[in-house]
N, C-alpha and C. Protein backbone atom coordinates (compact mmCIF):
# COMPACT_ATOMS: atom_id res chain seq x y z
N MET A 1 0.84 -1.18 0.00
CA MET A 1 0.00 0.00 0.00
C MET A 1 0.89 1.24 0.00
N THR A 2 0.63 2.15 -0.91
CA THR A 2 1.44 3.35 -1.03
C THR A 2 0.71 4.56 -0.47
N GLN A 3 1.44 5.65 -0.36
CA GLN A 3 0.81 6.87 0.14
C GLN A 3 -0.20 7.42 -0.86
N THR A 4 0.01 7.18 -2.16
CA THR A 4 -0.99 7.62 -3.12
C THR A 4 -2.26 6.80 -2.98
N ASP A 5 -2.14 5.55 -2.54
CA ASP A 5 -3.33 4.75 -2.26
C ASP A 5 -4.18 5.43 -1.19
N ILE A 6 -3.53 6.01 -0.20
CA ILE A 6 -4.24 6.70 0.86
C ILE A 6 -5.04 7.86 0.27
N LEU A 7 -4.42 8.63 -0.60
CA LEU A 7 -5.12 9.75 -1.24
C LEU A 7 -6.30 9.27 -2.06
N ASP A 8 -6.11 8.19 -2.82
CA ASP A 8 -7.20 7.65 -3.63
C ASP A 8 -8.35 7.16 -2.75
N ARG A 9 -8.02 6.42 -1.70
CA ARG A 9 -9.06 5.91 -0.79
C ARG A 9 -9.81 7.07 -0.13
N LEU A 10 -9.05 8.03 0.38
CA LEU A 10 -9.67 9.17 1.05
C LEU A 10 -10.53 9.97 0.06
N GLY A 11 -10.04 10.15 -1.15
CA GLY A 11 -10.81 10.86 -2.16
C GLY A 11 -12.14 10.18 -2.45
N LYS A 12 -12.14 8.85 -2.50
CA LYS A 12 -13.38 8.10 -2.73
C LYS A 12 -14.34 8.26 -1.56
N VAL A 13 -13.81 8.18 -0.35
CA VAL A 13 -14.66 8.34 0.84
C VAL A 13 -15.27 9.73 0.88
N ILE A 14 -14.46 10.74 0.61
CA ILE A 14 -14.95 12.12 0.61
C ILE A 14 -16.05 12.29 -0.43
N ALA A 15 -15.84 11.78 -1.64
CA ALA A 15 -16.84 11.89 -2.71
C ALA A 15 -18.16 11.23 -2.29
N GLU A 16 -18.06 10.07 -1.64
CA GLU A 16 -19.26 9.38 -1.17
C GLU A 16 -19.96 10.18 -0.08
N ARG A 17 -19.18 10.74 0.82
CA ARG A 17 -19.76 11.46 1.95
C ARG A 17 -20.37 12.80 1.57
N LEU A 18 -20.02 13.33 0.43
CA LEU A 18 -20.69 14.55 -0.04
C LEU A 18 -22.19 14.33 -0.15
N GLN A 19 -22.58 13.09 -0.42
CA GLN A 19 -23.99 12.75 -0.59
C GLN A 19 -24.62 12.14 0.66
N ALA A 20 -23.86 12.05 1.73
CA ALA A 20 -24.34 11.40 2.96
C ALA A 20 -25.24 12.33 3.77
N ASP A 21 -25.75 11.79 4.85
CA ASP A 21 -26.58 12.54 5.79
C ASP A 21 -25.70 13.55 6.53
N PRO A 22 -26.02 14.85 6.42
CA PRO A 22 -25.22 15.87 7.11
C PRO A 22 -25.13 15.66 8.63
N GLY A 23 -26.10 14.97 9.19
CA GLY A 23 -26.06 14.70 10.62
C GLY A 23 -25.09 13.58 10.99
N ALA A 24 -24.64 12.83 9.98
CA ALA A 24 -23.78 11.68 10.25
C ALA A 24 -22.38 11.84 9.69
N SER A 25 -22.11 12.93 8.96
CA SER A 25 -20.82 13.08 8.29
C SER A 25 -20.38 14.53 8.31
N TYR A 26 -19.14 14.76 8.73
CA TYR A 26 -18.59 16.12 8.71
C TYR A 26 -18.55 16.65 7.28
N VAL A 27 -18.10 15.83 6.34
CA VAL A 27 -18.01 16.26 4.94
C VAL A 27 -19.39 16.63 4.42
N ALA A 28 -20.39 15.81 4.71
CA ALA A 28 -21.75 16.10 4.26
C ALA A 28 -22.28 17.37 4.90
N SER A 29 -21.96 17.57 6.18
CA SER A 29 -22.44 18.79 6.84
C SER A 29 -21.79 20.04 6.25
N LEU A 30 -20.51 19.94 5.90
CA LEU A 30 -19.82 21.06 5.26
C LEU A 30 -20.41 21.31 3.87
N ALA A 31 -20.63 20.24 3.12
CA ALA A 31 -21.19 20.36 1.77
C ALA A 31 -22.60 20.93 1.81
N ALA A 32 -23.36 20.59 2.83
CA ALA A 32 -24.74 21.09 2.95
C ALA A 32 -24.76 22.60 3.11
N LYS A 33 -23.67 23.16 3.61
CA LYS A 33 -23.58 24.62 3.78
C LYS A 33 -23.22 25.31 2.47
N GLY A 34 -22.78 24.52 1.48
CA GLY A 34 -22.53 25.07 0.15
C GLY A 34 -21.07 25.35 -0.17
N HIS A 35 -20.88 25.72 -1.41
CA HIS A 35 -19.54 25.96 -1.97
C HIS A 35 -18.76 27.01 -1.18
N ASP A 36 -19.42 28.11 -0.84
CA ASP A 36 -18.73 29.18 -0.12
C ASP A 36 -18.21 28.71 1.24
N ALA A 37 -18.94 27.82 1.90
CA ALA A 37 -18.49 27.30 3.20
C ALA A 37 -17.24 26.44 3.03
N ILE A 38 -17.19 25.69 1.94
CA ILE A 38 -16.00 24.87 1.67
C ILE A 38 -14.82 25.79 1.36
N LEU A 39 -15.03 26.80 0.55
CA LEU A 39 -13.96 27.75 0.23
C LEU A 39 -13.45 28.43 1.50
N LYS A 40 -14.35 28.84 2.36
CA LYS A 40 -13.97 29.49 3.61
C LYS A 40 -13.14 28.55 4.48
N LYS A 41 -13.52 27.28 4.51
CA LYS A 41 -12.78 26.30 5.32
C LYS A 41 -11.38 26.09 4.76
N VAL A 42 -11.23 26.03 3.45
CA VAL A 42 -9.90 25.89 2.84
C VAL A 42 -9.04 27.10 3.20
N ALA A 43 -9.61 28.28 3.10
CA ALA A 43 -8.86 29.50 3.44
C ALA A 43 -8.46 29.49 4.92
N GLU A 44 -9.37 29.09 5.77
CA GLU A 44 -9.07 29.02 7.21
C GLU A 44 -7.93 28.04 7.48
N GLU A 45 -7.99 26.88 6.86
CA GLU A 45 -6.94 25.87 7.07
C GLU A 45 -5.61 26.34 6.48
N ALA A 46 -5.64 27.06 5.37
CA ALA A 46 -4.41 27.61 4.79
C ALA A 46 -3.77 28.60 5.76
N ALA A 47 -4.59 29.45 6.35
CA ALA A 47 -4.07 30.43 7.32
C ALA A 47 -3.48 29.72 8.54
N GLU A 48 -4.15 28.70 9.02
CA GLU A 48 -3.63 27.95 10.17
C GLU A 48 -2.31 27.25 9.83
N THR A 49 -2.19 26.78 8.60
CA THR A 49 -0.94 26.14 8.17
C THR A 49 0.19 27.17 8.15
N LEU A 50 -0.09 28.35 7.63
CA LEU A 50 0.92 29.40 7.61
C LEU A 50 1.35 29.80 9.02
N LEU A 51 0.40 29.91 9.92
CA LEU A 51 0.74 30.27 11.30
C LEU A 51 1.57 29.17 11.96
N ALA A 52 1.24 27.92 11.69
CA ALA A 52 2.01 26.81 12.25
C ALA A 52 3.45 26.83 11.71
N ALA A 53 3.60 27.16 10.44
CA ALA A 53 4.94 27.24 9.85
C ALA A 53 5.73 28.38 10.49
N LYS A 54 5.06 29.50 10.72
CA LYS A 54 5.72 30.64 11.33
C LYS A 54 6.18 30.32 12.75
N ASP A 55 5.38 29.52 13.46
CA ASP A 55 5.73 29.14 14.83
C ASP A 55 6.93 28.19 14.88
N GLY A 56 7.20 27.51 13.77
CA GLY A 56 8.36 26.62 13.72
C GLY A 56 8.15 25.26 14.37
N ASP A 57 6.92 24.93 14.70
CA ASP A 57 6.61 23.63 15.33
C ASP A 57 6.29 22.63 14.23
N LYS A 58 7.22 21.71 13.97
CA LYS A 58 7.08 20.78 12.85
C LYS A 58 5.83 19.93 12.96
N LEU A 59 5.54 19.37 14.13
CA LEU A 59 4.37 18.52 14.28
C LEU A 59 3.08 19.32 14.04
N HIS A 60 3.03 20.53 14.57
CA HIS A 60 1.86 21.39 14.35
C HIS A 60 1.71 21.69 12.86
N LEU A 61 2.81 21.97 12.18
CA LEU A 61 2.79 22.23 10.75
C LEU A 61 2.26 21.01 9.98
N ILE A 62 2.72 19.83 10.34
CA ILE A 62 2.27 18.61 9.66
C ILE A 62 0.77 18.41 9.87
N ARG A 63 0.31 18.61 11.09
CA ARG A 63 -1.12 18.41 11.38
C ARG A 63 -1.98 19.44 10.65
N GLU A 64 -1.55 20.69 10.62
CA GLU A 64 -2.32 21.71 9.92
C GLU A 64 -2.30 21.48 8.41
N THR A 65 -1.17 21.01 7.89
CA THR A 65 -1.10 20.70 6.47
C THR A 65 -2.04 19.55 6.13
N ALA A 66 -2.13 18.56 7.01
CA ALA A 66 -3.08 17.45 6.79
C ALA A 66 -4.51 18.00 6.74
N ASP A 67 -4.84 18.92 7.64
CA ASP A 67 -6.17 19.54 7.62
C ASP A 67 -6.40 20.29 6.30
N LEU A 68 -5.39 21.03 5.87
CA LEU A 68 -5.50 21.79 4.62
C LEU A 68 -5.70 20.85 3.44
N TRP A 69 -4.88 19.81 3.35
CA TRP A 69 -5.01 18.86 2.24
C TRP A 69 -6.39 18.21 2.24
N PHE A 70 -6.86 17.83 3.43
CA PHE A 70 -8.17 17.20 3.54
C PHE A 70 -9.25 18.13 2.97
N HIS A 71 -9.22 19.38 3.39
CA HIS A 71 -10.25 20.30 2.93
C HIS A 71 -10.09 20.65 1.45
N CYS A 72 -8.87 20.64 0.94
CA CYS A 72 -8.66 20.80 -0.50
C CYS A 72 -9.27 19.61 -1.25
N MET A 73 -9.17 18.43 -0.66
CA MET A 73 -9.77 17.24 -1.28
C MET A 73 -11.29 17.32 -1.26
N VAL A 74 -11.86 17.91 -0.21
CA VAL A 74 -13.31 18.13 -0.18
C VAL A 74 -13.69 19.07 -1.33
N LEU A 75 -12.92 20.13 -1.49
CA LEU A 75 -13.17 21.09 -2.57
C LEU A 75 -13.06 20.42 -3.94
N LEU A 76 -12.03 19.60 -4.12
CA LEU A 76 -11.88 18.87 -5.38
C LEU A 76 -13.09 17.99 -5.64
N ALA A 77 -13.51 17.24 -4.62
CA ALA A 77 -14.66 16.34 -4.78
C ALA A 77 -15.92 17.12 -5.11
N TRP A 78 -16.10 18.27 -4.50
CA TRP A 78 -17.25 19.13 -4.79
C TRP A 78 -17.31 19.44 -6.29
N HIS A 79 -16.13 19.60 -6.89
CA HIS A 79 -16.03 19.92 -8.31
C HIS A 79 -15.90 18.68 -9.20
N GLY A 80 -16.04 17.50 -8.60
CA GLY A 80 -15.97 16.27 -9.38
C GLY A 80 -14.57 15.87 -9.77
N ALA A 81 -13.58 16.42 -9.09
CA ALA A 81 -12.18 16.08 -9.38
C ALA A 81 -11.66 15.08 -8.35
N ARG A 82 -10.66 14.33 -8.75
CA ARG A 82 -10.07 13.30 -7.88
C ARG A 82 -8.61 13.64 -7.58
N PRO A 83 -8.11 13.13 -6.46
CA PRO A 83 -6.70 13.37 -6.12
C PRO A 83 -5.75 12.90 -7.22
N GLY A 84 -6.09 11.82 -7.89
CA GLY A 84 -5.25 11.31 -8.97
C GLY A 84 -5.05 12.30 -10.10
N GLU A 85 -6.04 13.16 -10.31
CA GLU A 85 -5.92 14.17 -11.35
C GLU A 85 -4.88 15.23 -10.96
N VAL A 86 -4.84 15.57 -9.68
CA VAL A 86 -3.84 16.52 -9.19
C VAL A 86 -2.46 15.88 -9.26
N LEU A 87 -2.37 14.62 -8.86
CA LEU A 87 -1.08 13.91 -8.92
C LEU A 87 -0.60 13.80 -10.36
N ALA A 88 -1.50 13.57 -11.30
CA ALA A 88 -1.12 13.50 -12.72
C ALA A 88 -0.59 14.84 -13.20
N GLU A 89 -1.20 15.93 -12.73
CA GLU A 89 -0.72 17.26 -13.11
C GLU A 89 0.67 17.51 -12.53
N LEU A 90 0.88 17.09 -11.29
CA LEU A 90 2.21 17.24 -10.69
C LEU A 90 3.24 16.41 -11.45
N ALA A 91 2.85 15.20 -11.83
CA ALA A 91 3.76 14.35 -12.61
C ALA A 91 4.08 14.99 -13.96
N ARG A 92 3.08 15.61 -14.57
CA ARG A 92 3.30 16.28 -15.86
C ARG A 92 4.31 17.41 -15.71
N ARG A 93 4.28 18.08 -14.58
CA ARG A 93 5.17 19.22 -14.36
C ARG A 93 6.57 18.80 -13.89
N GLU A 94 6.71 17.57 -13.46
CA GLU A 94 7.99 17.11 -12.91
C GLU A 94 9.11 17.34 -13.91
N GLY A 95 10.18 17.91 -13.43
CA GLY A 95 11.35 18.14 -14.28
C GLY A 95 11.26 19.42 -15.09
N THR A 96 10.17 20.16 -14.93
CA THR A 96 10.00 21.42 -15.64
C THR A 96 10.23 22.56 -14.66
N SER A 97 10.97 23.54 -15.08
CA SER A 97 11.18 24.72 -14.26
C SER A 97 9.84 25.36 -13.95
N GLY A 98 9.66 25.82 -12.72
CA GLY A 98 8.44 26.50 -12.34
C GLY A 98 8.20 27.74 -13.18
N ILE A 99 9.26 28.42 -13.53
CA ILE A 99 9.14 29.62 -14.36
C ILE A 99 8.65 29.22 -15.76
N GLU A 100 9.23 28.15 -16.32
CA GLU A 100 8.81 27.70 -17.64
C GLU A 100 7.37 27.20 -17.63
N GLU A 101 7.01 26.45 -16.60
CA GLU A 101 5.67 25.88 -16.51
C GLU A 101 4.63 26.99 -16.43
N LYS A 102 4.88 27.98 -15.60
CA LYS A 102 3.93 29.07 -15.43
C LYS A 102 3.81 29.88 -16.73
N SER A 103 4.92 30.09 -17.41
CA SER A 103 4.92 30.82 -18.68
C SER A 103 4.11 30.06 -19.74
N ALA A 104 4.23 28.74 -19.74
CA ALA A 104 3.52 27.92 -20.73
C ALA A 104 2.01 27.99 -20.51
N ARG A 105 1.57 28.22 -19.28
CA ARG A 105 0.14 28.33 -18.98
C ARG A 105 -0.40 29.69 -19.39
N GLY A 106 0.47 30.65 -19.61
CA GLY A 106 0.04 31.97 -19.99
C GLY A 106 -0.54 32.79 -18.85
N ARG A 107 -0.22 32.39 -17.62
CA ARG A 107 -0.69 33.14 -16.44
C ARG A 107 0.46 33.57 -15.60
């Protein structure tokens, strides 16, 4: 079992839970509040990750990053995207300069 297997499994569970009973699932309860609530949660977790990094506490940083990744996966699932699609994009970019990659996107 690889770490990407964990992302795939978690992505499937999150996608399923988007349709679950909001009273029985955190993901379903967040989704029931709508897209803006998910966006707000991602922003909140990003801020907490930055604060943890600034504090210099490695374990806190790891835990906050896990929260951020989880909520990013909820956002992806909301849009019908899977973690494997993000991993494929990262693989596509591997070995390419960040400057070159960004220039090729035209943004």
